[in-house]
Every structure is written in C-alpha cells, then in structure tokens.
Amino acid sequence: MPIRGKKQRFTDTNISKAPNSDGVYGIYRGQELTYIGKGEGKNGIKSRLQAAQRENRSKGNATSFRVEKCRNPSEREKWLLEQYKKLHGKLPRYNAKVG
C-alpha cells in the first residue's frame, strides 16, 4: 500500500531534487502520513511539493515526504487513499476526500 519511494526530510534541498514528473507523493509529520497527493503535467511532483512547502512555512507540520513516479497519478492517488481509509478508518489528516 505505501508510496514506494524512500522517505526524505522535508527540506529545501530535498524538495529541489524531487522529480517534476507525473506521480504521487506522501507528506508526513513524524511517522503520521498527513497527506497523499498527485502531481501531473506542469504541476508535477516537485511543483506540488514546493506548493506544500510554502504552506508548511506557516503551519510547520511536514517533516518528511515520499515520492513515486507513475503513469496514472489520479488512479494511483485514489487507490492509495482508499487503502489508507480501509486500514485506518479515515483519510489522512489533510485529505478531504478520495479522488
């Protein structure tokens, strides 16, 4: 079920190295997965993480992230959210809905 990429610290340097390709990502606060998202087209993974980083400066919640490149980010994101909900009985803290 988890996003396949290696967990990395949520830092400017690591985010700048993230791929700007299609895929999914997870944002963590400590061990808690707080958000599952997707990046597509010009709003690829790196772009989405940079947007989350700007929001994080005011909230200070994110500590790490994982990324996974894939061909159909919308489908993969939906599947990951459904699996998370089955396992935990709810969505990650900052996900409002599946899909």
PDB file of N, CA and C in Angstrom:
ATOM      1  N   MET A   1       0.794  -1.204   0.000  1.00  0.00           N
ATOM      2  CA  MET A   1       0.000   0.000   0.000  1.00  0.00           C
ATOM      3  C   MET A   1       0.835   1.267   0.000  1.00  0.00           C
ATOM      4  N   PRO A   2       1.941   1.331   0.690  1.00  0.00           N
ATOM      5  CA  PRO A   2       2.626   2.616   0.821  1.00  0.00           C
ATOM      6  C   PRO A   2       3.203   3.122  -0.498  1.00  0.00           C
ATOM      7  N   ILE A   3       3.453   4.406  -0.500  1.00  0.00           N
ATOM      8  CA  ILE A   3       4.162   5.023  -1.615  1.00  0.00           C
ATOM      9  C   ILE A   3       5.563   4.433  -1.619  1.00  0.00           C
ATOM     10  N   ARG A   4       6.032   4.023  -2.777  1.00  0.00           N
ATOM     11  CA  ARG A   4       7.238   3.204  -2.874  1.00  0.00           C
ATOM     12  C   ARG A   4       8.554   3.934  -2.650  1.00  0.00           C
ATOM     13  N   GLY A   5       8.591   5.233  -2.791  1.00  0.00           N
ATOM     14  CA  GLY A   5       9.847   5.970  -2.683  1.00  0.00           C
ATOM     15  C   GLY A   5      10.414   6.019  -1.275  1.00  0.00           C
ATOM     16  N   LYS A   6      11.693   6.327  -1.206  1.00  0.00           N
ATOM     17  CA  LYS A   6      12.400   6.465   0.071  1.00  0.00           C
ATOM     18  C   LYS A   6      11.927   7.729   0.799  1.00  0.00           C
ATOM     19  N   LYS A   7      11.734   7.622   2.102  1.00  0.00           N
ATOM     20  CA  LYS A   7      11.329   8.780   2.898  1.00  0.00           C
ATOM     21  C   LYS A   7      12.502   9.752   2.997  1.00  0.00           C
ATOM     22  N   GLN A   8      12.217  11.035   2.732  1.00  0.00           N
ATOM     23  CA  GLN A   8      13.237  12.083   2.772  1.00  0.00           C
ATOM     24  C   GLN A   8      12.777  13.221   3.673  1.00  0.00           C
ATOM     25  N   ARG A   9      13.733  13.902   4.281  1.00  0.00           N
ATOM     26  CA  ARG A   9      13.390  15.063   5.114  1.00  0.00           C
ATOM     27  C   ARG A   9      12.764  16.152   4.249  1.00  0.00           C
ATOM     28  N   PHE A  10      11.815  16.872   4.803  1.00  0.00           N
ATOM     29  CA  PHE A  10      11.087  17.930   4.094  1.00  0.00           C
ATOM     30  C   PHE A  10      11.915  19.214   4.146  1.00  0.00           C
ATOM     31  N   THR A  11      12.966  19.260   3.322  1.00  0.00           N
ATOM     32  CA  THR A  11      13.877  20.411   3.292  1.00  0.00           C
ATOM     33  C   THR A  11      13.908  21.015   1.894  1.00  0.00           C
ATOM     34  N   ASP A  12      14.362  22.270   1.809  1.00  0.00           N
ATOM     35  CA  ASP A  12      14.502  22.938   0.510  1.00  0.00           C
ATOM     36  C   ASP A  12      15.344  22.101  -0.444  1.00  0.00           C
ATOM     37  N   THR A  13      16.465  21.586   0.046  1.00  0.00           N
ATOM     38  CA  THR A  13      17.380  20.816  -0.792  1.00  0.00           C
ATOM     39  C   THR A  13      16.712  19.561  -1.335  1.00  0.00           C
ATOM     40  N   ASN A  14      16.070  18.793  -0.480  1.00  0.00           N
ATOM     41  CA  ASN A  14      15.435  17.553  -0.935  1.00  0.00           C
ATOM     42  C   ASN A  14      14.270  17.818  -1.884  1.00  0.00           C
ATOM     43  N   ILE A  15      13.493  18.839  -1.602  1.00  0.00           N
ATOM     44  CA  ILE A  15      12.369  19.167  -2.482  1.00  0.00           C
ATOM     45  C   ILE A  15      12.881  19.619  -3.847  1.00  0.00           C
ATOM     46  N   SER A  16      13.980  20.359  -3.874  1.00  0.00           N
ATOM     47  CA  SER A  16      14.536  20.814  -5.154  1.00  0.00           C
ATOM     48  C   SER A  16      15.031  19.650  -6.009  1.00  0.00           C
ATOM     49  N   LYS A  17      15.333  18.523  -5.385  1.00  0.00           N
ATOM     50  CA  LYS A  17      15.805  17.334  -6.108  1.00  0.00           C
ATOM     51  C   LYS A  17      14.667  16.392  -6.513  1.00  0.00           C
ATOM     52  N   ALA A  18      13.460  16.679  -6.067  1.00  0.00           N
ATOM     53  CA  ALA A  18      12.319  15.812  -6.402  1.00  0.00           C
ATOM     54  C   ALA A  18      12.045  15.870  -7.904  1.00  0.00           C
ATOM     55  N   PRO A  19      11.563  14.783  -8.479  1.00  0.00           N
ATOM     56  CA  PRO A  19      11.281  14.786  -9.917  1.00  0.00           C
ATOM     57  C   PRO A  19      10.069  15.659 -10.235  1.00  0.00           C
ATOM     58  N   ASN A  20      10.138  16.387 -11.340  1.00  0.00           N
ATOM     59  CA  ASN A  20       8.974  17.168 -11.755  1.00  0.00           C
ATOM     60  C   ASN A  20       8.231  16.401 -12.840  1.00  0.00           C
ATOM     61  N   SER A  21       7.940  15.157 -12.517  1.00  0.00           N
ATOM     62  CA  SER A  21       7.239  14.278 -13.448  1.00  0.00           C
ATOM     63  C   SER A  21       5.915  13.864 -12.822  1.00  0.00           C
ATOM     64  N   ASP A  22       5.147  13.099 -13.568  1.00  0.00           N
ATOM     65  CA  ASP A  22       3.869  12.606 -13.058  1.00  0.00           C
ATOM     66  C   ASP A  22       4.104  11.584 -11.954  1.00  0.00           C
ATOM     67  N   GLY A  23       3.273  11.634 -10.929  1.00  0.00           N
ATOM     68  CA  GLY A  23       3.390  10.662  -9.853  1.00  0.00           C
ATOM     69  C   GLY A  23       2.581  11.058  -8.638  1.00  0.00           C
ATOM     70  N   VAL A  24       2.813  10.342  -7.558  1.00  0.00           N
ATOM     71  CA  VAL A  24       2.137  10.597  -6.289  1.00  0.00           C
ATOM     72  C   VAL A  24       3.177  10.890  -5.217  1.00  0.00           C
ATOM     73  N   TYR A  25       2.715  11.511  -4.143  1.00  0.00           N
ATOM     74  CA  TYR A  25       3.614  11.818  -3.032  1.00  0.00           C
ATOM     75  C   TYR A  25       2.847  11.739  -1.722  1.00  0.00           C
ATOM     76  N   GLY A  26       3.580  11.495  -0.665  1.00  0.00           N
ATOM     77  CA  GLY A  26       3.011  11.487   0.673  1.00  0.00           C
ATOM     78  C   GLY A  26       3.793  12.446   1.540  1.00  0.00           C
ATOM     79  N   ILE A  27       3.097  13.186   2.377  1.00  0.00           N
ATOM     80  CA  ILE A  27       3.734  14.123   3.304  1.00  0.00           C
ATOM     81  C   ILE A  27       3.480  13.621   4.722  1.00  0.00           C
ATOM     82  N   TYR A  28       4.520  13.646   5.528  1.00  0.00           N
ATOM     83  CA  TYR A  28       4.481  13.088   6.882  1.00  0.00           C
ATOM     84  C   TYR A  28       4.794  14.147   7.927  1.00  0.00           C
ATOM     85  N   ARG A  29       4.209  13.954   9.097  1.00  0.00           N
ATOM     86  CA  ARG A  29       4.595  14.678  10.313  1.00  0.00           C
ATOM     87  C   ARG A  29       5.031  13.595  11.279  1.00  0.00           C
ATOM     88  N   GLY A  30       6.332  13.485  11.469  1.00  0.00           N
ATOM     89  CA  GLY A  30       6.850  12.357  12.232  1.00  0.00           C
ATOM     90  C   GLY A  30       6.535  11.084  11.473  1.00  0.00           C
ATOM     91  N   GLN A  31       5.891  10.127  12.138  1.00  0.00           N
ATOM     92  CA  GLN A  31       5.513   8.867  11.490  1.00  0.00           C
ATOM     93  C   GLN A  31       4.121   8.914  10.860  1.00  0.00           C
ATOM     94  N   GLU A  32       3.366   9.970  11.130  1.00  0.00           N
ATOM     95  CA  GLU A  32       1.991  10.067  10.629  1.00  0.00           C
ATOM     96  C   GLU A  32       1.963  10.560   9.185  1.00  0.00           C
ATOM     97  N   LEU A  33       1.332   9.800   8.309  1.00  0.00           N
ATOM     98  CA  LEU A  33       1.088  10.231   6.935  1.00  0.00           C
ATOM     99  C   LEU A  33      -0.070  11.219   6.987  1.00  0.00           C
ATOM    100  N   THR A  34       0.189  12.489   6.683  1.00  0.00           N
ATOM    101  CA  THR A  34      -0.835  13.524   6.814  1.00  0.00           C
ATOM    102  C   THR A  34      -1.488  13.909   5.498  1.00  0.00           C
ATOM    103  N   TYR A  35      -0.846  13.565   4.372  1.00  0.00           N
ATOM    104  CA  TYR A  35      -1.415  13.941   3.077  1.00  0.00           C
ATOM    105  C   TYR A  35      -0.896  13.027   1.979  1.00  0.00           C
ATOM    106  N   ILE A  36      -1.800  12.611   1.095  1.00  0.00           N
ATOM    107  CA  ILE A  36      -1.451  11.885  -0.122  1.00  0.00           C
ATOM    108  C   ILE A  36      -1.908  12.755  -1.280  1.00  0.00           C
ATOM    109  N   GLY A  37      -0.992  13.048  -2.199  1.00  0.00           N
ATOM    110  CA  GLY A  37      -1.334  13.900  -3.329  1.00  0.00           C
ATOM    111  C   GLY A  37      -0.743  13.384  -4.625  1.00  0.00           C
ATOM    112  N   LYS A  38      -1.071  14.094  -5.706  1.00  0.00           N
ATOM    113  CA  LYS A  38      -0.564  13.718  -7.019  1.00  0.00           C
ATOM    114  C   LYS A  38      -0.002  14.946  -7.718  1.00  0.00           C
ATOM    115  N   GLY A  39       0.907  14.695  -8.635  1.00  0.00           N
ATOM    116  CA  GLY A  39       1.441  15.735  -9.498  1.00  0.00           C
ATOM    117  C   GLY A  39       1.318  15.269 -10.932  1.00  0.00           C
ATOM    118  N   GLU A  40       0.835  16.169 -11.798  1.00  0.00           N
ATOM    119  CA  GLU A  40       0.646  15.810 -13.204  1.00  0.00           C
ATOM    120  C   GLU A  40       1.015  16.984 -14.095  1.00  0.00           C
ATOM    121  N   GLY A  41       1.589  16.673 -15.264  1.00  0.00           N
ATOM    122  CA  GLY A  41       1.892  17.696 -16.257  1.00  0.00           C
ATOM    123  C   GLY A  41       2.798  18.781 -15.712  1.00  0.00           C
ATOM    124  N   LYS A  42       2.447  20.044 -15.967  1.00  0.00           N
ATOM    125  CA  LYS A  42       3.291  21.148 -15.491  1.00  0.00           C
ATOM    126  C   LYS A  42       3.259  21.271 -13.972  1.00  0.00           C
ATOM    127  N   ASN A  43       2.265  20.681 -13.345  1.00  0.00           N
ATOM    128  CA  ASN A  43       2.196  20.638 -11.883  1.00  0.00           C
ATOM    129  C   ASN A  43       2.664  19.271 -11.406  1.00  0.00           C
ATOM    130  N   GLY A  44       3.873  18.890 -11.814  1.00  0.00           N
ATOM    131  CA  GLY A  44       4.444  17.602 -11.437  1.00  0.00           C
ATOM    132  C   GLY A  44       4.746  17.526  -9.948  1.00  0.00           C
ATOM    133  N   ILE A  45       5.353  16.433  -9.549  1.00  0.00           N
ATOM    134  CA  ILE A  45       5.621  16.169  -8.133  1.00  0.00           C
ATOM    135  C   ILE A  45       6.380  17.322  -7.475  1.00  0.00           C
ATOM    136  N   LYS A  46       7.476  17.773  -8.093  1.00  0.00           N
ATOM    137  CA  LYS A  46       8.275  18.846  -7.482  1.00  0.00           C
ATOM    138  C   LYS A  46       7.442  20.107  -7.282  1.00  0.00           C
ATOM    139  N   SER A  47       6.681  20.483  -8.287  1.00  0.00           N
ATOM    140  CA  SER A  47       5.843  21.675  -8.202  1.00  0.00           C
ATOM    141  C   SER A  47       4.845  21.573  -7.046  1.00  0.00           C
ATOM    142  N   ARG A  48       4.240  20.416  -6.884  1.00  0.00           N
ATOM    143  CA  ARG A  48       3.266  20.218  -5.806  1.00  0.00           C
ATOM    144  C   ARG A  48       3.943  20.243  -4.434  1.00  0.00           C
ATOM    145  N   LEU A  49       5.134  19.651  -4.343  1.00  0.00           N
ATOM    146  CA  LEU A  49       5.864  19.684  -3.068  1.00  0.00           C
ATOM    147  C   LEU A  49       6.287  21.109  -2.721  1.00  0.00           C
ATOM    148  N   GLN A  50       6.675  21.891  -3.733  1.00  0.00           N
ATOM    149  CA  GLN A  50       7.045  23.283  -3.480  1.00  0.00           C
ATOM    150  C   GLN A  50       5.847  24.076  -2.966  1.00  0.00           C
ATOM    151  N   ALA A  51       4.664  23.817  -3.517  1.00  0.00           N
ATOM    152  CA  ALA A  51       3.448  24.478  -3.025  1.00  0.00           C
ATOM    153  C   ALA A  51       3.169  24.067  -1.581  1.00  0.00           C
ATOM    154  N   ALA A  52       3.329  22.790  -1.284  1.00  0.00           N
ATOM    155  CA  ALA A  52       3.127  22.307   0.090  1.00  0.00           C
ATOM    156  C   ALA A  52       4.154  22.926   1.029  1.00  0.00           C
ATOM    157  N   GLN A  53       5.363  23.105   0.531  1.00  0.00           N
ATOM    158  CA  GLN A  53       6.423  23.704   1.341  1.00  0.00           C
ATOM    159  C   GLN A  53       6.075  25.148   1.708  1.00  0.00           C
ATOM    160  N   ARG A  54       5.527  25.896   0.764  1.00  0.00           N
ATOM    161  CA  ARG A  54       5.127  27.285   1.064  1.00  0.00           C
ATOM    162  C   ARG A  54       4.056  27.299   2.152  1.00  0.00           C
ATOM    163  N   GLU A  55       3.099  26.380   2.066  1.00  0.00           N
ATOM    164  CA  GLU A  55       2.056  26.275   3.089  1.00  0.00           C
ATOM    165  C   GLU A  55       2.645  25.831   4.421  1.00  0.00           C
ATOM    166  N   ASN A  56       3.636  24.951   4.376  1.00  0.00           N
ATOM    167  CA  ASN A  56       4.251  24.406   5.586  1.00  0.00           C
ATOM    168  C   ASN A  56       4.963  25.480   6.396  1.00  0.00           C
ATOM    169  N   ARG A  57       5.476  26.494   5.738  1.00  0.00           N
ATOM    170  CA  ARG A  57       6.196  27.545   6.471  1.00  0.00           C
ATOM    171  C   ARG A  57       5.281  28.218   7.489  1.00  0.00           C
ATOM    172  N   SER A  58       3.988  28.305   7.185  1.00  0.00           N
ATOM    173  CA  SER A  58       3.077  28.928   8.140  1.00  0.00           C
ATOM    174  C   SER A  58       2.518  27.923   9.145  1.00  0.00           C
ATOM    175  N   LYS A  59       2.414  26.650   8.755  1.00  0.00           N
ATOM    176  CA  LYS A  59       1.855  25.636   9.649  1.00  0.00           C
ATOM    177  C   LYS A  59       2.925  24.855  10.397  1.00  0.00           C
ATOM    178  N   GLY A  60       4.079  24.629   9.761  1.00  0.00           N
ATOM    179  CA  GLY A  60       5.167  23.891  10.398  1.00  0.00           C
ATOM    180  C   GLY A  60       4.874  22.433  10.677  1.00  0.00           C
ATOM    181  N   ASN A  61       4.065  21.792   9.834  1.00  0.00           N
ATOM    182  CA  ASN A  61       3.649  20.420  10.107  1.00  0.00           C
ATOM    183  C   ASN A  61       4.497  19.341   9.454  1.00  0.00           C
ATOM    184  N   ALA A  62       4.943  19.550   8.233  1.00  0.00           N
ATOM    185  CA  ALA A  62       5.615  18.489   7.479  1.00  0.00           C
ATOM    186  C   ALA A  62       7.054  18.294   7.942  1.00  0.00           C
ATOM    187  N   THR A  63       7.430  17.024   8.104  1.00  0.00           N
ATOM    188  CA  THR A  63       8.813  16.704   8.474  1.00  0.00           C
ATOM    189  C   THR A  63       9.505  15.869   7.417  1.00  0.00           C
ATOM    190  N   SER A  64       8.723  15.126   6.600  1.00  0.00           N
ATOM    191  CA  SER A  64       9.327  14.290   5.561  1.00  0.00           C
ATOM    192  C   SER A  64       8.315  14.014   4.455  1.00  0.00           C
ATOM    193  N   PHE A  65       8.815  13.413   3.376  1.00  0.00           N
ATOM    194  CA  PHE A  65       7.953  13.083   2.245  1.00  0.00           C
ATOM    195  C   PHE A  65       8.498  11.876   1.497  1.00  0.00           C
ATOM    196  N   ARG A  66       7.630  11.260   0.708  1.00  0.00           N
ATOM    197  CA  ARG A  66       7.999  10.178  -0.215  1.00  0.00           C
ATOM    198  C   ARG A  66       7.407  10.528  -1.577  1.00  0.00           C
ATOM    199  N   VAL A  67       8.076  10.119  -2.640  1.00  0.00           N
ATOM    200  CA  VAL A  67       7.541  10.308  -3.984  1.00  0.00           C
ATOM    201  C   VAL A  67       7.596   8.988  -4.747  1.00  0.00           C
ATOM    202  N   GLU A  68       6.678   8.851  -5.670  1.00  0.00           N
ATOM    203  CA  GLU A  68       6.629   7.667  -6.535  1.00  0.00           C
ATOM    204  C   GLU A  68       6.178   8.120  -7.923  1.00  0.00           C
ATOM    205  N   LYS A  69       7.030   7.949  -8.908  1.00  0.00           N
ATOM    206  CA  LYS A  69       6.649   8.257 -10.284  1.00  0.00           C
ATOM    207  C   LYS A  69       5.680   7.182 -10.766  1.00  0.00           C
ATOM    208  N   CYS A  70       4.679   7.591 -11.528  1.00  0.00           N
ATOM    209  CA  CYS A  70       3.744   6.622 -12.107  1.00  0.00           C
ATOM    210  C   CYS A  70       3.072   7.237 -13.328  1.00  0.00           C
ATOM    211  N   ARG A  71       2.479   6.396 -14.140  1.00  0.00           N
ATOM    212  CA  ARG A  71       1.863   6.854 -15.390  1.00  0.00           C
ATOM    213  C   ARG A  71       0.464   7.421 -15.195  1.00  0.00           C
ATOM    214  N   ASN A  72      -0.246   6.962 -14.195  1.00  0.00           N
ATOM    215  CA  ASN A  72      -1.610   7.431 -13.963  1.00  0.00           C
ATOM    216  C   ASN A  72      -1.758   7.894 -12.514  1.00  0.00           C
ATOM    217  N   PRO A  73      -1.274   9.112 -12.216  1.00  0.00           N
ATOM    218  CA  PRO A  73      -1.296   9.591 -10.832  1.00  0.00           C
ATOM    219  C   PRO A  73      -2.688   9.657 -10.205  1.00  0.00           C
ATOM    220  N   SER A  74      -3.698  10.015 -10.986  1.00  0.00           N
ATOM    221  CA  SER A  74      -5.056  10.113 -10.420  1.00  0.00           C
ATOM    222  C   SER A  74      -5.542   8.761  -9.922  1.00  0.00           C
ATOM    223  N   GLU A  75      -5.317   7.735 -10.725  1.00  0.00           N
ATOM    224  CA  GLU A  75      -5.731   6.384 -10.339  1.00  0.00           C
ATOM    225  C   GLU A  75      -4.936   5.885  -9.130  1.00  0.00           C
ATOM    226  N   ARG A  76      -3.633   6.113  -9.139  1.00  0.00           N
ATOM    227  CA  ARG A  76      -2.781   5.661  -8.027  1.00  0.00           C
ATOM    228  C   ARG A  76      -3.139   6.402  -6.737  1.00  0.00           C
ATOM    229  N   GLU A  77      -3.348   7.722  -6.827  1.00  0.00           N
ATOM    230  CA  GLU A  77      -3.733   8.505  -5.646  1.00  0.00           C
ATOM    231  C   GLU A  77      -5.041   7.975  -5.062  1.00  0.00           C
ATOM    232  N   LYS A  78      -6.028   7.746  -5.919  1.00  0.00           N
ATOM    233  CA  LYS A  78      -7.326   7.239  -5.456  1.00  0.00           C
ATOM    234  C   LYS A  78      -7.153   5.899  -4.750  1.00  0.00           C
ATOM    235  N   TRP A  79      -6.368   4.998  -5.336  1.00  0.00           N
ATOM    236  CA  TRP A  79      -6.143   3.684  -4.742  1.00  0.00           C
ATOM    237  C   TRP A  79      -5.453   3.812  -3.384  1.00  0.00           C
ATOM    238  N   LEU A  80      -4.422   4.660  -3.310  1.00  0.00           N
ATOM    239  CA  LEU A  80      -3.705   4.849  -2.041  1.00  0.00           C
ATOM    240  C   LEU A  80      -4.638   5.385  -0.954  1.00  0.00           C
ATOM    241  N   LEU A  81      -5.492   6.358  -1.317  1.00  0.00           N
ATOM    242  CA  LEU A  81      -6.433   6.914  -0.340  1.00  0.00           C
ATOM    243  C   LEU A  81      -7.451   5.866   0.118  1.00  0.00           C
ATOM    244  N   GLU A  82      -7.948   5.073  -0.819  1.00  0.00           N
ATOM    245  CA  GLU A  82      -8.896   4.016  -0.449  1.00  0.00           C
ATOM    246  C   GLU A  82      -8.250   3.003   0.492  1.00  0.00           C
ATOM    247  N   GLN A  83      -7.024   2.608   0.204  1.00  0.00           N
ATOM    248  CA  GLN A  83      -6.316   1.651   1.055  1.00  0.00           C
ATOM    249  C   GLN A  83      -6.056   2.235   2.444  1.00  0.00           C
ATOM    250  N   TYR A  84      -5.664   3.505   2.493  1.00  0.00           N
ATOM    251  CA  TYR A  84      -5.422   4.160   3.780  1.00  0.00           C
ATOM    252  C   TYR A  84      -6.715   4.167   4.606  1.00  0.00           C
ATOM    253  N   LYS A  85      -7.816   4.523   3.957  1.00  0.00           N
ATOM    254  CA  LYS A  85      -9.098   4.587   4.667  1.00  0.00           C
ATOM    255  C   LYS A  85      -9.523   3.214   5.181  1.00  0.00           C
ATOM    256  N   LYS A  86      -9.308   2.171   4.385  1.00  0.00           N
ATOM    257  CA  LYS A  86      -9.627   0.808   4.837  1.00  0.00           C
ATOM    258  C   LYS A  86      -8.815   0.433   6.070  1.00  0.00           C
ATOM    259  N   LEU A  87      -7.559   0.792   6.063  1.00  0.00           N
ATOM    260  CA  LEU A  87      -6.650   0.427   7.147  1.00  0.00           C
ATOM    261  C   LEU A  87      -6.876   1.248   8.414  1.00  0.00           C
ATOM    262  N   HIS A  88      -7.161   2.546   8.260  1.00  0.00           N
ATOM    263  CA  HIS A  88      -7.237   3.457   9.412  1.00  0.00           C
ATOM    264  C   HIS A  88      -8.653   3.934   9.743  1.00  0.00           C
ATOM    265  N   GLY A  89      -9.614   3.645   8.870  1.00  0.00           N
ATOM    266  CA  GLY A  89     -10.987   4.075   9.118  1.00  0.00           C
ATOM    267  C   GLY A  89     -11.240   5.537   8.813  1.00  0.00           C
ATOM    268  N   LYS A  90     -10.270   6.209   8.252  1.00  0.00           N
ATOM    269  CA  LYS A  90     -10.388   7.629   7.896  1.00  0.00           C
ATOM    270  C   LYS A  90      -9.296   7.958   6.884  1.00  0.00           C
ATOM    271  N   LEU A  91      -9.409   9.131   6.288  1.00  0.00           N
ATOM    272  CA  LEU A  91      -8.385   9.609   5.355  1.00  0.00           C
ATOM    273  C   LEU A  91      -7.256  10.288   6.125  1.00  0.00           C
ATOM    274  N   PRO A  92      -6.107  10.488   5.480  1.00  0.00           N
ATOM    275  CA  PRO A  92      -5.051  11.266   6.136  1.00  0.00           C
ATOM    276  C   PRO A  92      -5.587  12.647   6.550  1.00  0.00           C
ATOM    277  N   ARG A  93      -5.011  13.210   7.573  1.00  0.00           N
ATOM    278  CA  ARG A  93      -5.464  14.456   8.199  1.00  0.00           C
ATOM    279  C   ARG A  93      -5.834  15.573   7.208  1.00  0.00           C
ATOM    280  N   TYR A  94      -5.040  15.781   6.160  1.00  0.00           N
ATOM    281  CA  TYR A  94      -5.270  16.902   5.248  1.00  0.00           C
ATOM    282  C   TYR A  94      -5.886  16.499   3.910  1.00  0.00           C
ATOM    283  N   ASN A  95      -6.362  15.272   3.787  1.00  0.00           N
ATOM    284  CA  ASN A  95      -7.110  14.857   2.599  1.00  0.00           C
ATOM    285  C   ASN A  95      -8.594  14.945   2.927  1.00  0.00           C
ATOM    286  N   ALA A  96      -9.337  15.696   2.108  1.00  0.00           N
ATOM    287  CA  ALA A  96     -10.764  15.886   2.364  1.00  0.00           C
ATOM    288  C   ALA A  96     -11.621  14.768   1.781  1.00  0.00           C
ATOM    289  N   LYS A  97     -11.153  14.168   0.661  1.00  0.00           N
ATOM    290  CA  LYS A  97     -11.960  13.142   0.002  1.00  0.00           C
ATOM    291  C   LYS A  97     -11.074  12.248  -0.847  1.00  0.00           C
ATOM    292  N   VAL A  98     -11.636  11.132  -1.274  1.00  0.00           N
ATOM    293  CA  VAL A  98     -10.948  10.215  -2.187  1.00  0.00           C
ATOM    294  C   VAL A  98     -11.216  10.687  -3.604  1.00  0.00           C
ATOM    295  N   GLY A  99     -10.131  10.844  -4.391  1.00  0.00           N
ATOM    296  CA  GLY A  99     -10.261  11.184  -5.807  1.00  0.00           C
ATOM    297  C   GLY A  99     -10.624  12.561  -6.129  1.00  0.00           C
TER     298      GLY A  99
END
